[in-house]
Amino acid sequence: MKKQSEELPGRLGNKDLTVNDDKRINQNLLHAMKKIGLDGVPPDPTVTYDSTSEAIQQYSDSLEPLYRGLFGDIFSALELPDGLMNETKTIKGNEGNEIKLYITKPKDTSEYIPGILHLHGGGMAIMTADDHNYIYWRPS
């Protein structure tokens, strides 16, 4: 009979496993993670549940460039599937604020077609709907 640790994947089965040694990791992702120092053993966060909201916000702000760089490295070189185009439009909200709409649609259509509404769920705390990963994921 196998031990439980032999049956579970990743760090569930081996608490000392790093992304460098995990056979399941996508090599493009690993390369991008190495560029920003996220390979190996991840550092402990500098904030806890007891930290002030200001400290948590500062910590979150410090991570944004890392995540933008990571996703930019992975997704910026990927092309949209054939026949699609990206378009950005700005509309006015009820209070006069500007709302950006990022639209991915077939290149050769002039008629109304069904669509999917994607609301960026980052809690307005990290990254934007215009980052490379979202641009790539929209047509998925």
N, C-alpha and C. Protein backbone atom coordinates (compact mmCIF):
# COMPACT_ATOMS: atom_id res chain seq x y z
N MET A 1 0.83 -1.18 0.00
CA MET A 1 0.00 0.00 0.00
C MET A 1 0.88 1.25 0.00
N LYS A 2 0.51 2.25 -0.82
CA LYS A 2 1.29 3.48 -0.90
C LYS A 2 1.01 4.36 0.31
N LYS A 3 2.04 5.12 0.71
CA LYS A 3 1.84 6.12 1.75
C LYS A 3 1.02 7.26 1.17
N GLN A 4 0.31 7.98 2.01
CA GLN A 4 -0.50 9.10 1.55
C GLN A 4 0.36 10.12 0.82
N SER A 5 1.58 10.38 1.29
CA SER A 5 2.42 11.40 0.68
C SER A 5 2.81 11.04 -0.74
N GLU A 6 2.81 9.75 -1.10
CA GLU A 6 3.13 9.33 -2.46
C GLU A 6 1.93 9.51 -3.38
N GLU A 7 0.74 9.59 -2.83
CA GLU A 7 -0.46 9.69 -3.64
C GLU A 7 -0.86 11.13 -3.94
N LEU A 8 -0.48 12.06 -3.10
CA LEU A 8 -0.90 13.44 -3.26
C LEU A 8 0.09 14.21 -4.13
N PRO A 9 -0.41 15.07 -5.02
CA PRO A 9 0.49 15.83 -5.90
C PRO A 9 1.09 17.05 -5.21
N GLY A 10 2.17 17.54 -5.76
CA GLY A 10 2.76 18.79 -5.31
C GLY A 10 3.11 18.84 -3.85
N ARG A 11 2.92 20.02 -3.25
CA ARG A 11 3.28 20.22 -1.85
C ARG A 11 2.35 19.51 -0.89
N LEU A 12 1.20 19.04 -1.39
CA LEU A 12 0.34 18.23 -0.52
C LEU A 12 1.03 16.92 -0.18
N GLY A 13 1.78 16.40 -1.13
CA GLY A 13 2.49 15.15 -0.91
C GLY A 13 3.91 15.33 -0.44
N ASN A 14 4.51 16.50 -0.69
CA ASN A 14 5.89 16.77 -0.29
C ASN A 14 5.98 18.25 0.10
N LYS A 15 5.94 18.51 1.39
CA LYS A 15 5.91 19.90 1.87
C LYS A 15 7.18 20.67 1.52
N ASP A 16 8.25 19.98 1.15
CA ASP A 16 9.50 20.65 0.81
C ASP A 16 9.66 20.88 -0.69
N LEU A 17 8.69 20.47 -1.48
CA LEU A 17 8.77 20.62 -2.93
C LEU A 17 8.71 22.10 -3.30
N THR A 18 9.55 22.50 -4.24
CA THR A 18 9.50 23.87 -4.76
C THR A 18 9.02 23.82 -6.20
N VAL A 19 8.64 24.98 -6.74
CA VAL A 19 8.19 25.01 -8.13
C VAL A 19 9.30 24.57 -9.07
N ASN A 20 10.55 24.78 -8.68
CA ASN A 20 11.67 24.37 -9.53
C ASN A 20 11.68 22.87 -9.77
N ASP A 21 11.24 22.10 -8.78
CA ASP A 21 11.31 20.64 -8.86
C ASP A 21 9.97 19.98 -9.19
N ASP A 22 8.93 20.77 -9.28
CA ASP A 22 7.60 20.20 -9.56
C ASP A 22 7.50 19.87 -11.04
N LYS A 23 7.33 18.61 -11.36
CA LYS A 23 7.30 18.15 -12.75
C LYS A 23 6.08 18.67 -13.52
N ARG A 24 5.08 19.16 -12.80
CA ARG A 24 3.84 19.61 -13.45
C ARG A 24 3.91 21.04 -13.95
N ILE A 25 4.90 21.81 -13.54
CA ILE A 25 4.89 23.25 -13.85
C ILE A 25 5.18 23.51 -15.33
N ASN A 26 4.49 24.46 -15.87
CA ASN A 26 4.73 24.93 -17.23
C ASN A 26 6.07 25.66 -17.22
N GLN A 27 6.96 25.30 -18.14
CA GLN A 27 8.30 25.86 -18.14
C GLN A 27 8.32 27.37 -18.45
N ASN A 28 7.36 27.85 -19.25
CA ASN A 28 7.28 29.29 -19.49
C ASN A 28 6.93 30.03 -18.21
N LEU A 29 6.03 29.46 -17.43
CA LEU A 29 5.67 30.06 -16.15
C LEU A 29 6.87 30.05 -15.21
N LEU A 30 7.58 28.93 -15.14
CA LEU A 30 8.75 28.85 -14.26
C LEU A 30 9.80 29.88 -14.67
N HIS A 31 10.04 30.02 -15.96
CA HIS A 31 11.01 31.01 -16.43
C HIS A 31 10.61 32.42 -15.99
N ALA A 32 9.34 32.76 -16.16
CA ALA A 32 8.86 34.09 -15.75
C ALA A 32 8.97 34.26 -14.24
N MET A 33 8.69 33.20 -13.48
CA MET A 33 8.78 33.28 -12.02
C MET A 33 10.23 33.48 -11.57
N LYS A 34 11.16 32.83 -12.25
CA LYS A 34 12.58 32.98 -11.91
C LYS A 34 13.04 34.41 -12.11
N LYS A 35 12.54 35.07 -13.16
CA LYS A 35 12.96 36.45 -13.47
C LYS A 35 12.64 37.42 -12.34
N ILE A 36 11.59 37.13 -11.58
CA ILE A 36 11.21 38.05 -10.50
C ILE A 36 11.41 37.44 -9.11
N GLY A 37 12.16 36.34 -9.06
CA GLY A 37 12.52 35.75 -7.78
C GLY A 37 11.43 34.96 -7.09
N LEU A 38 10.44 34.47 -7.86
CA LEU A 38 9.36 33.68 -7.25
C LEU A 38 9.57 32.19 -7.39
N ASP A 39 10.76 31.77 -7.78
CA ASP A 39 11.04 30.34 -7.80
C ASP A 39 11.59 29.94 -6.43
N GLY A 40 11.74 28.67 -6.21
CA GLY A 40 12.25 28.20 -4.93
C GLY A 40 11.19 28.28 -3.85
N VAL A 41 11.63 28.51 -2.64
CA VAL A 41 10.72 28.59 -1.49
C VAL A 41 10.17 30.01 -1.42
N PRO A 42 8.84 30.15 -1.45
CA PRO A 42 8.28 31.51 -1.42
C PRO A 42 8.54 32.18 -0.08
N PRO A 43 8.80 33.49 -0.11
CA PRO A 43 9.02 34.20 1.16
C PRO A 43 7.71 34.34 1.92
N ASP A 44 7.82 34.42 3.22
CA ASP A 44 6.64 34.68 4.04
C ASP A 44 6.18 36.11 3.80
N PRO A 45 4.87 36.35 3.81
CA PRO A 45 4.38 37.73 3.67
C PRO A 45 4.86 38.57 4.84
N THR A 46 4.99 39.85 4.59
CA THR A 46 5.43 40.77 5.65
C THR A 46 4.26 41.30 6.45
N VAL A 47 3.04 40.86 6.12
CA VAL A 47 1.85 41.29 6.84
C VAL A 47 1.11 40.06 7.35
N THR A 48 0.27 40.29 8.36
CA THR A 48 -0.55 39.22 8.94
C THR A 48 -1.98 39.74 9.07
N TYR A 49 -2.85 38.90 9.60
CA TYR A 49 -4.23 39.32 9.86
C TYR A 49 -4.29 40.48 10.84
N ASP A 50 -3.28 40.60 11.67
CA ASP A 50 -3.26 41.65 12.67
C ASP A 50 -2.66 42.96 12.16
N SER A 51 -2.15 42.96 10.93
CA SER A 51 -1.53 44.17 10.38
C SER A 51 -2.59 45.24 10.13
N THR A 52 -2.14 46.48 10.10
CA THR A 52 -3.06 47.57 9.81
C THR A 52 -3.48 47.52 8.34
N SER A 53 -4.59 48.14 8.04
CA SER A 53 -5.04 48.15 6.65
C SER A 53 -4.04 48.90 5.77
N GLU A 54 -3.37 49.92 6.33
CA GLU A 54 -2.36 50.65 5.58
C GLU A 54 -1.18 49.74 5.23
N ALA A 55 -0.74 48.93 6.19
CA ALA A 55 0.39 48.02 5.95
C ALA A 55 0.02 46.97 4.90
N ILE A 56 -1.20 46.47 4.98
CA ILE A 56 -1.66 45.48 4.00
C ILE A 56 -1.73 46.11 2.61
N GLN A 57 -2.22 47.34 2.53
CA GLN A 57 -2.29 48.03 1.23
C GLN A 57 -0.89 48.27 0.67
N GLN A 58 0.05 48.66 1.51
CA GLN A 58 1.43 48.88 1.05
C GLN A 58 2.02 47.57 0.54
N TYR A 59 1.78 46.49 1.26
CA TYR A 59 2.28 45.18 0.83
C TYR A 59 1.67 44.79 -0.52
N SER A 60 0.37 44.96 -0.65
CA SER A 60 -0.32 44.66 -1.91
C SER A 60 0.23 45.52 -3.04
N ASP A 61 0.43 46.81 -2.77
CA ASP A 61 0.99 47.72 -3.78
C ASP A 61 2.38 47.26 -4.23
N SER A 62 3.16 46.72 -3.30
CA SER A 62 4.52 46.29 -3.64
C SER A 62 4.51 45.03 -4.52
N LEU A 63 3.43 44.26 -4.46
CA LEU A 63 3.35 43.04 -5.26
C LEU A 63 2.88 43.29 -6.68
N GLU A 64 2.15 44.36 -6.90
CA GLU A 64 1.57 44.60 -8.22
C GLU A 64 2.61 44.60 -9.34
N PRO A 65 3.73 45.31 -9.21
CA PRO A 65 4.71 45.27 -10.30
C PRO A 65 5.23 43.86 -10.57
N LEU A 66 5.35 43.06 -9.52
CA LEU A 66 5.82 41.68 -9.71
C LEU A 66 4.81 40.87 -10.51
N TYR A 67 3.54 40.96 -10.13
CA TYR A 67 2.50 40.21 -10.84
C TYR A 67 2.32 40.71 -12.27
N ARG A 68 2.37 42.02 -12.45
CA ARG A 68 2.24 42.57 -13.81
C ARG A 68 3.39 42.09 -14.67
N GLY A 69 4.60 42.07 -14.10
CA GLY A 69 5.76 41.57 -14.84
C GLY A 69 5.64 40.10 -15.16
N LEU A 70 5.20 39.32 -14.18
CA LEU A 70 5.04 37.88 -14.37
C LEU A 70 4.04 37.59 -15.48
N PHE A 71 2.84 38.16 -15.38
CA PHE A 71 1.82 37.90 -16.39
C PHE A 71 2.19 38.53 -17.73
N GLY A 72 2.87 39.68 -17.70
CA GLY A 72 3.32 40.30 -18.93
C GLY A 72 4.29 39.40 -19.67
N ASP A 73 5.24 38.80 -18.94
CA ASP A 73 6.21 37.89 -19.57
C ASP A 73 5.53 36.68 -20.18
N ILE A 74 4.54 36.17 -19.50
CA ILE A 74 3.88 34.96 -19.97
C ILE A 74 2.94 35.25 -21.14
N PHE A 75 2.13 36.28 -21.03
CA PHE A 75 1.04 36.47 -21.99
C PHE A 75 1.30 37.49 -23.09
N SER A 76 2.27 38.39 -22.94
CA SER A 76 2.44 39.44 -23.95
C SER A 76 2.88 38.90 -25.30
N ALA A 77 3.59 37.79 -25.31
CA ALA A 77 4.06 37.24 -26.59
C ALA A 77 3.01 36.35 -27.27
N LEU A 78 1.95 36.03 -26.56
CA LEU A 78 0.92 35.16 -27.13
C LEU A 78 0.00 35.98 -28.03
N GLU A 79 -0.35 35.40 -29.15
CA GLU A 79 -1.23 36.09 -30.08
C GLU A 79 -2.68 35.65 -29.85
N LEU A 80 -3.59 36.55 -30.17
CA LEU A 80 -5.00 36.19 -30.13
C LEU A 80 -5.28 35.12 -31.17
N PRO A 81 -6.27 34.29 -30.95
CA PRO A 81 -6.66 33.33 -31.98
C PRO A 81 -7.00 34.06 -33.28
N ASP A 82 -6.78 33.40 -34.39
CA ASP A 82 -7.07 33.99 -35.70
C ASP A 82 -8.52 34.46 -35.77
N GLY A 83 -8.72 35.57 -36.44
CA GLY A 83 -10.06 36.08 -36.68
C GLY A 83 -10.63 36.96 -35.59
N LEU A 84 -9.84 37.24 -34.53
CA LEU A 84 -10.33 38.08 -33.44
C LEU A 84 -9.59 39.40 -33.40
N MET A 85 -10.23 40.39 -32.85
CA MET A 85 -9.60 41.69 -32.64
C MET A 85 -9.98 42.25 -31.29
N ASN A 86 -9.11 43.08 -30.73
CA ASN A 86 -9.37 43.78 -29.47
C ASN A 86 -9.69 45.23 -29.78
N GLU A 87 -10.63 45.78 -29.04
CA GLU A 87 -11.04 47.17 -29.21
C GLU A 87 -11.31 47.74 -27.82
N THR A 88 -10.96 48.99 -27.60
CA THR A 88 -11.24 49.65 -26.33
C THR A 88 -12.17 50.82 -26.59
N LYS A 89 -13.25 50.90 -25.83
CA LYS A 89 -14.18 52.02 -25.91
C LYS A 89 -14.35 52.59 -24.51
N THR A 90 -14.66 53.87 -24.44
CA THR A 90 -14.91 54.52 -23.16
C THR A 90 -16.33 55.06 -23.17
N ILE A 91 -17.07 54.76 -22.10
CA ILE A 91 -18.42 55.29 -21.94
C ILE A 91 -18.48 56.08 -20.65
N LYS A 92 -19.50 56.89 -20.50
CA LYS A 92 -19.69 57.68 -19.28
C LYS A 92 -20.62 56.93 -18.33
N GLY A 93 -20.22 56.87 -17.06
CA GLY A 93 -21.06 56.29 -16.03
C GLY A 93 -22.13 57.25 -15.58
N ASN A 94 -23.01 56.80 -14.70
CA ASN A 94 -24.11 57.64 -14.20
C ASN A 94 -23.64 58.91 -13.53
N GLU A 95 -22.45 58.88 -12.93
CA GLU A 95 -21.94 60.05 -12.22
C GLU A 95 -20.91 60.81 -13.05
N GLY A 96 -20.86 60.54 -14.36
CA GLY A 96 -19.94 61.23 -15.24
C GLY A 96 -18.54 60.63 -15.29
N ASN A 97 -18.32 59.56 -14.54
CA ASN A 97 -17.01 58.91 -14.55
C ASN A 97 -16.82 58.12 -15.85
N GLU A 98 -15.56 57.95 -16.24
CA GLU A 98 -15.27 57.19 -17.45
C GLU A 98 -15.14 55.71 -17.11
N ILE A 99 -15.74 54.88 -17.95
CA ILE A 99 -15.67 53.43 -17.80
C ILE A 99 -15.09 52.87 -19.09
N LYS A 100 -13.96 52.15 -18.96
CA LYS A 100 -13.34 51.55 -20.13
C LYS A 100 -13.96 50.19 -20.39
N LEU A 101 -14.27 49.95 -21.64
CA LEU A 101 -14.77 48.65 -22.09
C LEU A 101 -13.71 48.04 -22.99
N TYR A 102 -13.29 46.83 -22.66
CA TYR A 102 -12.33 46.10 -23.48
C TYR A 102 -13.12 45.04 -24.23
N ILE A 103 -13.16 45.16 -25.52
CA ILE A 103 -14.03 44.31 -26.34
C ILE A 103 -13.17 43.43 -27.24
N THR A 104 -13.39 42.14 -27.16
CA THR A 104 -12.76 41.18 -28.06
C THR A 104 -13.88 40.61 -28.90
N LYS A 105 -13.72 40.68 -30.22
CA LYS A 105 -14.80 40.23 -31.10
C LYS A 105 -14.22 39.72 -32.42
N PRO A 106 -15.04 38.99 -33.18
CA PRO A 106 -14.58 38.56 -34.51
C PRO A 106 -14.29 39.77 -35.38
N LYS A 107 -13.24 39.68 -36.18
CA LYS A 107 -12.85 40.80 -37.05
C LYS A 107 -13.93 41.14 -38.08
N ASP A 108 -14.53 40.14 -38.64
CA ASP A 108 -15.44 40.36 -39.77
C ASP A 108 -16.90 40.25 -39.37
N THR A 109 -17.33 41.06 -38.41
CA THR A 109 -18.74 41.05 -38.05
C THR A 109 -19.23 42.49 -37.91
N SER A 110 -20.39 42.73 -38.44
CA SER A 110 -20.99 44.06 -38.28
C SER A 110 -22.37 43.94 -37.65
N GLU A 111 -22.75 42.73 -37.30
CA GLU A 111 -24.07 42.50 -36.71
C GLU A 111 -23.95 42.30 -35.21
N TYR A 112 -25.08 42.36 -34.53
CA TYR A 112 -25.10 42.09 -33.10
C TYR A 112 -24.89 40.60 -32.87
N ILE A 113 -24.02 40.28 -31.92
CA ILE A 113 -23.75 38.88 -31.59
C ILE A 113 -23.78 38.73 -30.08
N PRO A 114 -23.99 37.50 -29.58
CA PRO A 114 -23.96 37.29 -28.12
C PRO A 114 -22.60 37.66 -27.55
N GLY A 115 -22.57 38.01 -26.29
CA GLY A 115 -21.32 38.38 -25.66
C GLY A 115 -21.24 37.89 -24.23
N ILE A 116 -20.07 38.03 -23.65
CA ILE A 116 -19.85 37.67 -22.25
C ILE A 116 -19.34 38.91 -21.55
N LEU A 117 -19.92 39.24 -20.41
CA LEU A 117 -19.49 40.38 -19.62
C LEU A 117 -18.49 39.88 -18.58
N HIS A 118 -17.28 40.40 -18.64
CA HIS A 118 -16.24 40.02 -17.67
C HIS A 118 -15.99 41.23 -16.77
N LEU A 119 -16.26 41.08 -15.50
CA LEU A 119 -15.97 42.13 -14.52
C LEU A 119 -14.68 41.76 -13.82
N HIS A 120 -13.72 42.65 -13.85
CA HIS A 120 -12.43 42.40 -13.21
C HIS A 120 -12.66 42.25 -11.71
N GLY A 121 -12.30 41.09 -11.18
CA GLY A 121 -12.58 40.78 -9.78
C GLY A 121 -11.40 40.99 -8.86
N GLY A 122 -10.53 41.91 -9.17
CA GLY A 122 -9.35 42.12 -8.35
C GLY A 122 -9.59 42.95 -7.11
N GLY A 123 -10.86 43.21 -6.81
CA GLY A 123 -11.16 44.02 -5.63
C GLY A 123 -10.61 45.44 -5.76
N MET A 124 -10.32 45.82 -7.00
CA MET A 124 -9.73 47.13 -7.30
C MET A 124 -8.48 47.36 -6.47
N ALA A 125 -7.78 46.26 -6.14
CA ALA A 125 -6.60 46.38 -5.32
C ALA A 125 -5.33 46.02 -6.07
N ILE A 126 -5.41 45.15 -7.07
CA ILE A 126 -4.20 44.72 -7.75
C ILE A 126 -4.53 44.38 -9.20
N MET A 127 -3.69 44.80 -10.09
CA MET A 127 -3.77 44.58 -11.52
C MET A 127 -4.98 45.29 -12.12
N THR A 128 -5.07 45.26 -13.46
CA THR A 128 -6.16 45.93 -14.15
C THR A 128 -6.71 45.02 -15.24
N ALA A 129 -7.89 45.34 -15.72
CA ALA A 129 -8.50 44.55 -16.79
C ALA A 129 -7.75 44.70 -18.10
N ASP A 130 -6.79 45.64 -18.18
CA ASP A 130 -6.00 45.85 -19.38
C ASP A 130 -4.65 45.14 -19.32
N ASP A 131 -4.41 44.34 -18.29
CA ASP A 131 -3.15 43.60 -18.22
C ASP A 131 -3.17 42.42 -19.18
N HIS A 132 -1.97 42.00 -19.59
CA HIS A 132 -1.81 41.00 -20.65
C HIS A 132 -2.59 39.71 -20.41
N ASN A 133 -2.63 39.24 -19.17
CA ASN A 133 -3.33 37.98 -18.92
C ASN A 133 -4.83 38.10 -19.21
N TYR A 134 -5.45 39.24 -18.86
CA TYR A 134 -6.88 39.39 -19.12
C TYR A 134 -7.15 39.59 -20.61
N ILE A 135 -6.26 40.29 -21.29
CA ILE A 135 -6.40 40.46 -22.73
C ILE A 135 -6.40 39.09 -23.41
N TYR A 136 -5.53 38.23 -22.96
CA TYR A 136 -5.44 36.89 -23.55
C TYR A 136 -6.62 36.00 -23.14
N TRP A 137 -7.05 36.10 -21.89
CA TRP A 137 -8.13 35.23 -21.41
C TRP A 137 -9.50 35.60 -21.94
N ARG A 138 -9.71 36.86 -22.28
CA ARG A 138 -11.05 37.29 -22.71
C ARG A 138 -11.63 36.43 -23.82
N PRO A 139 -10.88 36.11 -24.88
CA PRO A 139 -11.51 35.33 -25.95
C PRO A 139 -11.62 33.84 -25.64
N SER A 140 -11.15 33.40 -24.48
CA SER A 140 -11.16 31.97 -24.16
C SER A 140 -12.57 31.45 -24.00
